[in-house]
Protein backbone atom coordinates (compact mmCIF):
# COMPACT_ATOMS: atom_id res chain seq x y z
CA UNK A 1 1.09 -3.78 44.70
CA UNK A 2 2.12 -0.44 43.31
CA UNK A 3 3.31 2.43 45.42
CA UNK A 4 0.55 4.72 44.26
CA UNK A 5 -2.24 2.57 45.70
CA UNK A 6 -0.38 1.03 48.58
CA UNK A 7 -0.94 1.66 52.23
CA UNK A 8 2.42 3.22 53.06
CA UNK A 9 4.23 2.59 56.25
CA UNK A 10 3.91 -1.18 56.48
CA UNK A 11 6.92 -1.97 54.35
CA UNK A 12 9.38 0.50 55.83
CA UNK A 13 10.92 0.95 59.24
CA UNK A 14 11.64 4.60 58.48
CA UNK A 15 9.88 6.81 59.95
CA UNK A 16 -14.16 17.84 58.83
CA UNK A 17 -13.90 13.95 58.76
CA UNK A 18 -16.89 11.91 59.98
CA UNK A 19 -15.76 8.96 62.02
CA UNK A 20 -17.18 5.48 61.64
CA UNK A 21 -17.71 5.95 57.94
CA UNK A 22 -17.68 2.65 56.04
CA UNK A 23 -14.45 2.07 54.20
CA UNK A 24 -15.91 0.02 51.42
CA UNK A 25 -19.20 -1.24 50.16
CA UNK A 26 -18.36 -4.61 48.69
CA UNK A 27 -21.14 -5.95 46.55
CA UNK A 28 -21.39 -9.70 46.09
CA UNK A 29 -21.28 -10.98 42.56
CA UNK A 30 -21.57 -14.59 41.41
CA UNK A 31 -19.19 -15.78 38.76
CA UNK A 32 -21.68 -17.48 36.49
CA UNK A 33 -25.33 -18.07 36.00
CA UNK A 34 -24.89 -21.77 36.76
CA UNK A 35 -23.95 -20.97 40.35
CA UNK A 36 -27.09 -18.94 40.73
CA UNK A 37 -29.25 -21.82 39.55
CA UNK A 38 -27.55 -24.20 41.98
CA UNK A 39 -28.41 -22.03 45.00
CA UNK A 40 -32.12 -21.51 44.47
CA UNK A 41 -32.85 -23.04 47.89
CA UNK A 42 -32.08 -19.72 49.57
CA UNK A 43 -34.96 -17.22 49.20
CA UNK A 44 -32.57 -14.25 49.12
CA UNK A 45 -30.31 -15.85 46.55
CA UNK A 46 -33.34 -16.97 44.61
CA UNK A 47 -34.52 -13.45 44.22
CA UNK A 48 -31.14 -12.35 42.86
CA UNK A 49 -31.06 -15.37 40.56
CA UNK A 50 -34.51 -14.66 39.24
CA UNK A 51 -33.75 -11.04 38.55
CA UNK A 52 -30.47 -11.86 36.82
CA UNK A 53 -32.11 -14.64 34.81
CA UNK A 54 -34.87 -12.29 33.79
CA UNK A 55 -32.38 -9.68 32.74
CA UNK A 56 -30.48 -12.30 30.76
CA UNK A 57 -33.62 -13.34 28.96
CA UNK A 58 -34.38 -9.74 28.17
CA UNK A 59 -30.93 -9.17 26.78
CA UNK A 60 -30.68 -12.40 24.81
CA UNK A 61 -32.88 -11.38 21.85
CA UNK A 62 -30.91 -8.15 21.56
CA UNK A 63 -27.94 -10.04 20.19
CA UNK A 64 -29.55 -9.66 16.81
CA UNK A 65 -29.56 -5.88 17.22
CA UNK A 66 -26.12 -4.27 17.49
CA UNK A 67 -27.66 -0.98 18.60
CA UNK A 68 -29.04 -2.67 21.71
CA UNK A 69 -26.22 -5.08 22.40
CA UNK A 70 -23.47 -2.44 22.58
CA UNK A 71 -24.94 -0.56 25.57
CA UNK A 72 -25.71 -3.89 27.24
CA UNK A 73 -22.18 -5.17 26.74
CA UNK A 74 -20.81 -1.86 27.98
CA UNK A 75 -22.92 -2.09 31.10
CA UNK A 76 -21.83 -5.69 31.73
CA UNK A 77 -18.20 -4.69 31.28
CA UNK A 78 -18.70 -1.83 33.73
CA UNK A 79 -20.10 -4.25 36.31
CA UNK A 80 -17.11 -6.56 35.81
CA UNK A 81 -14.67 -3.67 36.21
CA UNK A 82 -16.38 -2.50 39.39
CA UNK A 83 -16.29 -6.03 40.77
CA UNK A 84 -12.58 -6.43 40.06
CA UNK A 85 -11.84 -3.01 41.57
CA UNK A 86 -13.74 -3.83 44.76
CA UNK A 87 -12.01 -7.19 45.03
CA UNK A 88 -8.64 -5.54 44.54
CA UNK A 89 -9.38 -2.95 47.24
CA UNK A 90 -10.55 -5.65 49.64
CA UNK A 91 -7.43 -7.73 49.10
CA UNK A 92 -5.35 -4.59 49.59
CA UNK A 93 -7.05 -3.80 52.89
CA UNK A 94 -6.56 -7.39 54.07
CA UNK A 95 -2.85 -7.11 53.37
CA UNK A 96 -2.56 -3.79 55.18
CA UNK A 97 -4.51 -5.05 58.17
CA UNK A 98 -2.28 -8.12 58.41
CA UNK A 99 0.89 -6.01 58.22
CA UNK A 100 -0.42 -3.72 60.93
CA UNK A 101 -1.10 -6.63 63.28
CA UNK A 102 2.27 -8.20 62.48
CA UNK A 103 4.10 -4.97 63.25
CA UNK A 104 5.68 -4.93 59.78
CA UNK A 105 7.37 -8.26 60.52
CA UNK A 106 6.16 -10.56 57.76
CA UNK A 107 7.90 -13.56 59.31
CA UNK A 108 5.32 -13.58 62.09
CA UNK A 109 8.00 -14.24 64.72
CA UNK A 110 6.96 -11.27 66.86
CA UNK A 111 10.07 -9.22 66.12
CA UNK A 112 8.18 -6.40 64.47
CA UNK A 113 7.74 -2.85 65.69
CA UNK A 114 5.01 -1.94 68.14
CA UNK A 115 1.58 -0.87 66.90
CA UNK A 116 2.23 2.82 67.60
CA UNK A 117 5.33 2.88 65.40
CA UNK A 118 3.55 0.93 62.65
CA UNK A 119 0.69 3.45 62.65
CA UNK A 120 3.11 6.38 62.61
CA UNK A 121 5.00 4.88 59.68
CA UNK A 122 1.71 4.26 57.87
CA UNK A 123 0.59 7.90 58.07
CA UNK A 124 4.05 9.21 57.23
CA UNK A 125 4.48 7.03 54.16
CA UNK A 126 0.89 7.49 53.05
CA UNK A 127 1.62 11.21 52.87
CA UNK A 128 4.79 10.48 50.90
CA UNK A 129 2.83 8.31 48.45
CA UNK A 130 -0.01 10.78 47.89
CA UNK A 131 1.81 14.12 48.13
CA UNK A 132 5.42 13.12 47.52
CA UNK A 133 5.10 13.56 43.76
CA UNK A 134 3.05 16.77 44.00
CA UNK A 135 5.20 19.76 43.09
CA UNK A 136 2.56 22.05 41.61
CA UNK A 137 -0.06 24.36 43.03
CA UNK A 138 -3.08 22.51 41.69
CA UNK A 139 -6.00 20.40 42.98
CA UNK A 140 -5.26 16.89 44.12
CA UNK A 141 -6.24 14.28 41.56
CA UNK A 142 -9.43 12.29 42.32
CA UNK A 143 -7.47 9.04 42.51
CA UNK A 144 -4.99 10.39 45.07
CA UNK A 145 -7.74 12.10 47.05
CA UNK A 146 -9.66 8.82 47.20
CA UNK A 147 -6.60 6.93 48.44
CA UNK A 148 -5.83 9.62 51.03
CA UNK A 149 -9.39 9.86 52.40
CA UNK A 150 -9.99 6.11 52.46
CA UNK A 151 -6.78 5.13 54.21
CA UNK A 152 -6.71 8.09 56.60
CA UNK A 153 -10.29 7.24 57.61
CA UNK A 154 -9.10 3.75 58.42
CA UNK A 155 -6.14 4.95 60.50
CA UNK A 156 -7.98 7.74 62.31
CA UNK A 157 -10.86 5.43 63.20
CA UNK A 158 -8.54 3.90 65.80
CA UNK A 159 -9.02 7.05 67.86
CA UNK A 160 -12.71 6.24 68.28
CA UNK A 161 -11.76 3.34 70.57
CA UNK A 162 -9.14 5.19 72.62
CA UNK A 163 -11.13 6.32 75.65
CA UNK A 164 -10.66 7.22 79.27
CA UNK A 165 -12.87 6.24 82.20
CA UNK A 166 -14.46 8.66 84.59
CA UNK A 167 -16.82 8.00 87.54
CA UNK A 168 -20.43 9.03 87.07
CA UNK A 169 -23.83 8.40 88.63
CA UNK A 170 -26.36 6.41 86.65
CA UNK A 171 -30.07 6.54 87.49
CA UNK A 172 -31.92 3.25 87.12
CA UNK A 173 -35.57 2.91 85.99
CA UNK A 174 -36.71 2.28 89.57
CA UNK A 175 -35.18 5.58 90.67
CA UNK A 176 -32.13 4.13 92.38
CA UNK A 177 -28.67 5.43 91.56
CA UNK A 178 -25.43 3.57 91.04
CA UNK A 179 -21.84 4.68 90.67
CA UNK A 180 -20.50 3.53 87.31
CA UNK A 181 -17.45 4.21 85.16
CA UNK A 182 -18.37 6.03 81.96
CA UNK A 183 -16.16 6.24 78.89
CA UNK A 184 -15.32 9.37 76.95
CA UNK A 185 -12.74 10.21 74.26
CA UNK A 186 -9.29 10.81 75.65
CA UNK A 187 -8.71 14.49 76.36
CA UNK A 188 -5.71 14.97 74.05
CA UNK A 189 -7.52 13.28 71.14
CA UNK A 190 -10.74 15.17 71.80
CA UNK A 191 -8.87 18.47 71.74
CA UNK A 192 -6.40 17.95 68.88
CA UNK A 193 -7.96 15.54 66.38
CA UNK A 194 -10.90 17.78 65.30
CA UNK A 195 -8.47 20.69 64.94
CA UNK A 196 -6.15 18.65 62.72
CA UNK A 197 -9.03 17.48 60.55
CA UNK A 198 -10.09 21.09 60.12
CA UNK A 199 -6.56 22.07 59.11
CA UNK A 200 -6.48 19.24 56.57
CA UNK A 201 -9.76 20.42 55.05
CA UNK A 202 -8.42 23.96 54.78
CA UNK A 203 -5.18 22.84 53.10
CA UNK A 204 -6.99 20.70 50.54
CA UNK A 205 -9.37 23.61 49.98
CA UNK A 206 -6.40 25.86 49.16
CA UNK A 207 -5.25 23.39 46.52
CA UNK A 208 -8.77 23.04 45.11
CA UNK A 209 -9.06 26.81 44.70
CA UNK A 210 -6.41 26.79 41.96
CA UNK A 211 -8.38 24.79 39.39
CA UNK A 212 -8.24 27.62 36.80
CA UNK A 213 -5.12 29.64 37.57
CA UNK A 214 -3.41 32.24 35.42
CA UNK A 215 -0.05 30.53 35.86
CA UNK A 216 1.24 27.21 34.58
CA UNK A 217 4.28 24.99 34.94
CA UNK A 218 7.04 24.00 32.54
CA UNK A 219 8.96 20.79 32.97
CA UNK A 220 12.61 21.85 33.06
CA UNK A 221 13.74 18.47 31.75
CA UNK A 222 11.81 18.98 28.51
CA UNK A 223 12.97 22.54 27.88
CA UNK A 224 15.50 23.34 25.21
CA UNK A 225 18.73 25.11 25.99
CA UNK A 226 17.92 27.83 23.49
CA UNK A 227 14.77 28.85 25.29
CA UNK A 228 14.36 32.53 26.01
CA UNK A 229 15.06 33.94 29.42
CA UNK A 230 12.53 32.83 31.99
CA UNK A 231 10.98 34.88 34.80
CA UNK A 232 11.86 32.20 37.37
CA UNK A 233 15.15 30.40 37.79
CA UNK A 234 15.25 27.43 40.15
CA UNK A 235 18.41 26.45 42.01
CA UNK A 236 20.50 23.66 40.54
CA UNK A 237 19.95 21.32 43.48
CA UNK A 238 16.24 21.14 42.55
CA UNK A 239 16.58 20.97 38.79
CA UNK A 240 14.00 18.19 38.42
CA UNK A 241 11.12 20.29 39.79
CA UNK A 242 8.76 22.06 37.35
CA UNK A 243 9.20 25.80 37.04
CA UNK A 244 6.23 28.16 37.40
CA UNK A 245 5.41 30.35 34.40
CA UNK A 246 3.30 33.52 34.30
CA UNK A 247 2.20 35.83 31.47
CA UNK A 248 4.76 38.30 30.14
CA UNK A 249 2.98 41.18 31.87
CA UNK A 250 2.61 39.25 35.13
CA UNK A 251 -0.47 38.02 36.96
CA UNK A 252 -3.61 40.07 37.36
CA UNK A 253 -4.13 42.02 40.56
CA UNK A 254 -6.95 39.69 41.55
CA UNK A 255 -4.80 36.58 41.19
CA UNK A 256 -1.91 38.26 43.00
CA UNK A 257 -4.15 39.15 45.96
CA UNK A 258 -5.60 35.65 46.02
CA UNK A 259 -2.14 34.09 46.07
CA UNK A 260 -1.06 36.37 48.92
CA UNK A 261 -4.19 35.52 50.91
CA UNK A 262 -3.72 31.79 50.39
CA UNK A 263 -0.09 32.11 51.40
CA UNK A 264 -0.99 33.86 54.65
CA UNK A 265 -3.62 31.21 55.34
CA UNK A 266 -1.23 28.32 54.68
CA UNK A 267 1.41 30.02 56.85
CA UNK A 268 -1.02 30.22 59.77
CA UNK A 269 -1.99 26.58 59.28
CA UNK A 270 1.70 25.66 59.31
CA UNK A 271 2.20 27.43 62.63
CA UNK A 272 -0.83 25.76 64.18
CA UNK A 273 0.22 22.29 62.99
CA UNK A 274 3.74 22.91 64.28
CA UNK A 275 2.38 23.98 67.66
CA UNK A 276 0.21 20.87 67.94
CA UNK A 277 3.11 18.65 66.91
CA UNK A 278 5.43 20.27 69.45
CA UNK A 279 2.89 19.82 72.23
CA UNK A 280 2.38 16.15 71.39
CA UNK A 281 6.13 15.52 71.25
CA UNK A 282 6.61 17.26 74.58
CA UNK A 283 4.10 14.87 76.16
CA UNK A 284 5.98 11.81 74.94
CA UNK A 285 8.40 10.16 77.30
CA UNK A 286 12.10 10.76 76.72
CA UNK A 287 13.69 7.38 75.91
CA UNK A 288 16.31 6.13 78.30
CA UNK A 289 18.67 5.51 75.39
CA UNK A 290 18.64 9.26 74.63
CA UNK A 291 19.27 10.25 78.25
CA UNK A 292 22.29 7.97 78.37
CA UNK A 293 23.91 9.88 75.50
CA UNK A 294 23.56 13.35 77.05
CA UNK A 295 26.76 15.31 77.74
CA UNK A 296 27.95 15.78 81.30
CA UNK A 297 27.28 19.51 81.23
CA UNK A 298 25.15 21.87 79.19
CA UNK A 299 28.12 24.05 78.42
CA UNK A 300 29.93 21.15 76.80
CA UNK A 301 26.82 20.49 74.73
CA UNK A 302 26.23 23.94 73.24
CA UNK A 303 29.83 25.16 73.21
CA UNK A 304 31.53 28.09 74.93
CA UNK A 305 30.33 30.82 72.55
CA UNK A 306 26.62 29.97 72.82
CA UNK A 307 26.90 29.28 76.55
CA UNK A 308 28.43 32.71 77.25
CA UNK A 309 25.67 34.42 75.32
CA UNK A 310 22.93 32.44 77.09
CA UNK A 311 24.33 32.89 80.59
CA UNK A 312 25.30 36.57 80.44
CA UNK A 313 22.92 39.36 81.33
CA UNK A 314 19.29 39.50 82.31
CA UNK A 315 18.01 40.09 78.79
CA UNK A 316 18.19 37.20 76.35
CA UNK A 317 17.14 37.41 72.70
CA UNK A 318 17.14 34.14 70.73
CA UNK A 319 16.81 36.14 67.48
CA UNK A 320 20.03 38.03 68.18
CA UNK A 321 21.82 34.79 69.00
CA UNK A 322 20.69 33.19 65.73
CA UNK A 323 21.82 36.28 63.85
CA UNK A 324 25.19 35.99 65.57
CA UNK A 325 25.50 32.33 64.61
CA UNK A 326 24.67 33.18 60.96
CA UNK A 327 23.42 29.72 60.08
CA UNK A 328 23.53 29.23 56.31
CA UNK A 329 22.46 25.63 55.78
CA UNK A 330 19.91 23.19 57.12
CA UNK A 331 22.69 20.86 58.26
CA UNK A 332 24.19 23.53 60.51
CA UNK A 333 20.75 24.46 61.85
CA UNK A 334 19.91 20.86 62.69
CA UNK A 335 23.27 20.41 64.42
CA UNK A 336 22.68 23.49 66.60
CA UNK A 337 19.14 22.29 67.37
CA UNK A 338 20.44 18.89 68.54
CA UNK A 339 23.10 20.49 70.75
CA UNK A 340 20.71 23.02 72.31
CA UNK A 341 18.07 20.37 72.96
CA UNK A 342 20.57 18.05 74.63
CA UNK A 343 21.85 20.90 76.84
CA UNK A 344 18.27 21.79 77.75
CA UNK A 345 17.66 18.33 79.17
CA UNK A 346 20.96 18.43 81.04
CA UNK A 347 19.90 21.66 82.75
CA UNK A 348 16.43 20.29 83.43
CA UNK A 349 17.89 17.19 85.06
CA UNK A 350 20.08 19.31 87.33
CA UNK A 351 17.18 21.62 88.20
CA UNK A 352 14.90 18.68 89.04
CA UNK A 353 17.15 17.80 91.98
CA UNK A 354 16.09 20.99 93.77
CA UNK A 355 12.73 21.81 92.13
CA UNK A 356 9.59 19.79 91.49
CA UNK A 357 8.35 20.71 88.00
CA UNK A 358 5.12 19.19 86.72
CA UNK A 359 5.33 20.70 83.23
CA UNK A 360 8.55 22.17 81.90
CA UNK A 361 6.75 24.17 79.22
CA UNK A 362 5.34 26.43 81.95
CA UNK A 363 8.77 27.29 83.32
CA UNK A 364 10.00 30.75 82.30
CA UNK A 365 12.68 33.09 83.51
CA UNK A 366 10.10 34.97 85.57
CA UNK A 367 9.23 31.97 87.74
CA UNK A 368 12.68 30.37 87.76
CA UNK A 369 13.35 31.68 91.31
CA UNK A 370 16.87 32.67 90.33
CA UNK A 371 17.91 29.09 89.67
CA UNK A 372 20.56 29.23 86.96
CA UNK A 373 19.70 25.80 85.57
CA UNK A 374 16.02 26.71 85.24
CA UNK A 375 16.91 29.97 83.49
CA UNK A 376 19.26 28.24 81.07
CA UNK A 377 16.71 25.50 80.36
CA UNK A 378 14.04 28.13 79.64
CA UNK A 379 16.36 30.07 77.33
CA UNK A 380 17.37 26.89 75.53
CA UNK A 381 13.72 26.08 74.87
CA UNK A 382 13.02 29.58 73.52
CA UNK A 383 16.10 29.35 71.30
CA UNK A 384 14.95 25.97 70.00
CA UNK A 385 11.46 27.27 69.16
CA UNK A 386 12.91 30.33 67.43
CA UNK A 387 15.24 28.12 65.42
CA UNK A 388 12.35 25.91 64.22
CA UNK A 389 10.32 28.97 63.26
CA UNK A 390 13.17 30.49 61.30
CA UNK A 391 13.80 27.21 59.48
CA UNK A 392 10.30 25.71 59.05
CA UNK A 393 11.55 22.92 56.80
CA UNK A 394 14.03 21.71 59.41
CA UNK A 395 14.27 17.94 59.81
CA UNK A 396 13.44 16.21 63.05
CA UNK A 397 15.95 16.46 65.82
CA UNK A 398 17.61 13.44 67.36
CA UNK A 399 15.30 13.61 70.37
CA UNK A 400 12.13 13.83 68.26
CA UNK A 401 13.22 10.87 66.16
CA UNK A 402 14.04 8.88 69.28
CA UNK A 403 10.67 9.68 70.85
CA UNK A 404 8.76 8.56 67.77
CA UNK A 405 10.84 5.39 67.49
CA UNK A 406 10.31 4.30 71.09
CA UNK A 407 6.77 5.63 71.58
CA UNK A 408 4.15 3.03 72.50
CA UNK A 409 1.09 5.28 72.87
CA UNK A 410 -1.15 4.76 69.83
CA UNK A 411 -3.07 7.99 70.34
CA UNK A 412 0.07 10.10 70.53
CA UNK A 413 1.48 8.30 67.48
CA UNK A 414 -1.58 9.22 65.41
CA UNK A 415 -1.68 12.85 66.55
CA UNK A 416 2.07 13.36 66.11
CA UNK A 417 2.31 11.86 62.63
CA UNK A 418 -0.94 13.50 61.48
CA UNK A 419 0.19 16.95 62.60
CA UNK A 420 3.65 16.40 61.13
CA UNK A 421 2.41 15.55 57.62
CA UNK A 422 -0.01 18.52 57.69
CA UNK A 423 2.86 20.74 58.76
CA UNK A 424 4.89 19.48 55.80
CA UNK A 425 2.01 20.01 53.36
CA UNK A 426 1.41 23.55 54.60
CA UNK A 427 5.12 24.34 54.25
CA UNK A 428 5.12 23.01 50.69
CA UNK A 429 2.09 25.08 49.75
CA UNK A 430 3.78 28.22 51.07
CA UNK A 431 6.91 27.36 49.03
CA UNK A 432 4.88 26.78 45.86
CA UNK A 433 3.09 30.11 46.26
CA UNK A 434 6.40 31.88 46.92
CA UNK A 435 7.79 30.49 43.66
CA UNK A 436 4.84 31.87 41.73
CA UNK A 437 5.05 35.24 43.45
CA UNK A 438 8.76 35.46 42.59
CA UNK A 439 8.02 34.61 38.95
CA UNK A 440 5.26 37.24 38.93
CA UNK A 441 7.54 39.89 40.38
CA UNK A 442 10.25 39.17 37.83
CA UNK A 443 7.73 39.23 35.00
CA UNK A 444 6.33 42.57 36.16
CA UNK A 445 9.83 44.06 36.33
CA UNK A 446 10.65 42.77 32.87
CA UNK A 447 7.40 44.11 31.46
CA UNK A 448 7.99 47.50 33.04
CA UNK A 449 11.51 47.64 31.58
CA UNK A 450 10.24 46.74 28.12
CA UNK A 451 7.54 49.40 28.31
CA UNK A 452 10.05 52.02 29.38
CA UNK A 453 12.35 51.11 26.49
CA UNK A 454 9.42 51.29 24.10
CA UNK A 455 8.39 54.73 25.33
CA UNK A 456 11.99 55.95 25.23
CA UNK A 457 12.38 54.73 21.65
CA UNK A 458 9.23 56.63 20.63
CA UNK A 459 10.24 59.97 22.18
CA UNK A 460 13.92 59.80 21.25
CA UNK A 461 14.84 62.02 18.24
CA UNK A 462 15.42 60.25 15.00
CA UNK A 463 18.92 60.50 13.62
C-alpha cells in the first residue's frame, strides 16, 4: 500500500459535510460467463446472466468489424478497471478498519494504543499524506481530494454515534405519558464539528479559487546557477520548496486585492481553528505523569527574570514581556511556552487549596480576589496565548502532547485533531500567499527602478 492512498495514522505511533454518506458503492461482478450460467437458479442472478449473455451475443458478430469492436473492448476494459479499483478500495478499507480495532498493534495481543489515540493519529497522518507534499497555492488534485473526503467522512462518522442522554416525556398513542431517556448529539460535538466542517470548506475554496492565477512556481532544484536575479529569494533552510514567480511588472491590481482578501480570510480561519483547538485541549484531563514532573514552585519554572516581571505591578502586558525576551527562534519560543505552562499549573494547584474553581479559563485578574497564585496563573495563561498568536507555527507544548497521548475520549480526539490539521492548513495558506505578495512587491520595485532608469536615460543630455 502506497503512502498516497493509505489511511494514515494506523502505522505510526506519532502523533459542509453530510454525515451518513456511503463510503463506497461496490458493484458485484462475476469473473466469467460460466459462473453466470451455473447460477441460473436465482431469479435475480438469472436476470443479470440473461442481460450479460444478450450483450455478449450482440457484441460477438462485431468481431468482424474493427470499428465496432474497439469501442466495445474499450468499454469492457473500463468495466474491468472500475472493478479492480473498487476491489482495491474495499481491501484498503478492510485493512484500515482492522488496524483501528487493533489499536495499531498488528500482533493482536492487546498492547496497542486506545481508540482515541488511533483516531487522532489517523486524522493527523491523513493530513500529512494529502497536504504534506502541497507547497503551492493551487487547487487540490482530484485524487487527493477524493482520498481526503472519503477517509475523513469515515472518521467523522464516528461522531454520529457519540450521544448524550437527557430525560424527556413521551406521549403514547392512548394519550398516556412516560418518562424516557432521549439521545442527542453530545454538546461539544454539536457545537464544534459543524464549525470545523465549515472552516474546511472555506479553506478548500480558497485553494480552488487559484485555478488560473497570474503567478507560477519554479522548482529551485531544476534552476541553473546562471539564472537572472529573481524577485523572491527563499531561505537556505527551505531550499527544496518551489519559489513563486510573478511577471516582471508585478501582479495586476485585481490579483493583488484578491490575494490580500484570501490572506485575511485564511488568517481569520486560522484564529478560529486555534481557538477551537485550545478549548478542546483545555477540556482534556491533565495526565498524572505530567503533574508529577511539575517544578516545586512557579518561580523555579519560569525563572527569576520572567517571574519578577509577572509579579510586579498591577498592570501586566504579555506583549511587552515577549518584546523583552526577544525570542528569535521557534526552539526558544517552545521552551518558554513549556516553562510558562508548567508554572501556570503549579500556581493553579496552590490556588485550588483555598479556592474552588470550576473553569480556570474564566479566572481573570479582576475576579482573583487578590490571591497572588490566581493572578499569576491568569497572567501565565495570557502570556501563553499571546506567545501562540505571535508564533502561529509553534509546535505542540509538552502538556498538549501529553494530553493527546493519554486521552481516551473519542469525541475530543476527533475534534482536537481535526481542528489542529485545519489550523496547520490555514497557516500554510497564509505563508504561501505571503511568499507571493513578497515576490510581487519586489517585482514592482524592480519594475519601477527600471522605468526610472529608462526615463532618466531619455532625458539625460547626449555627450
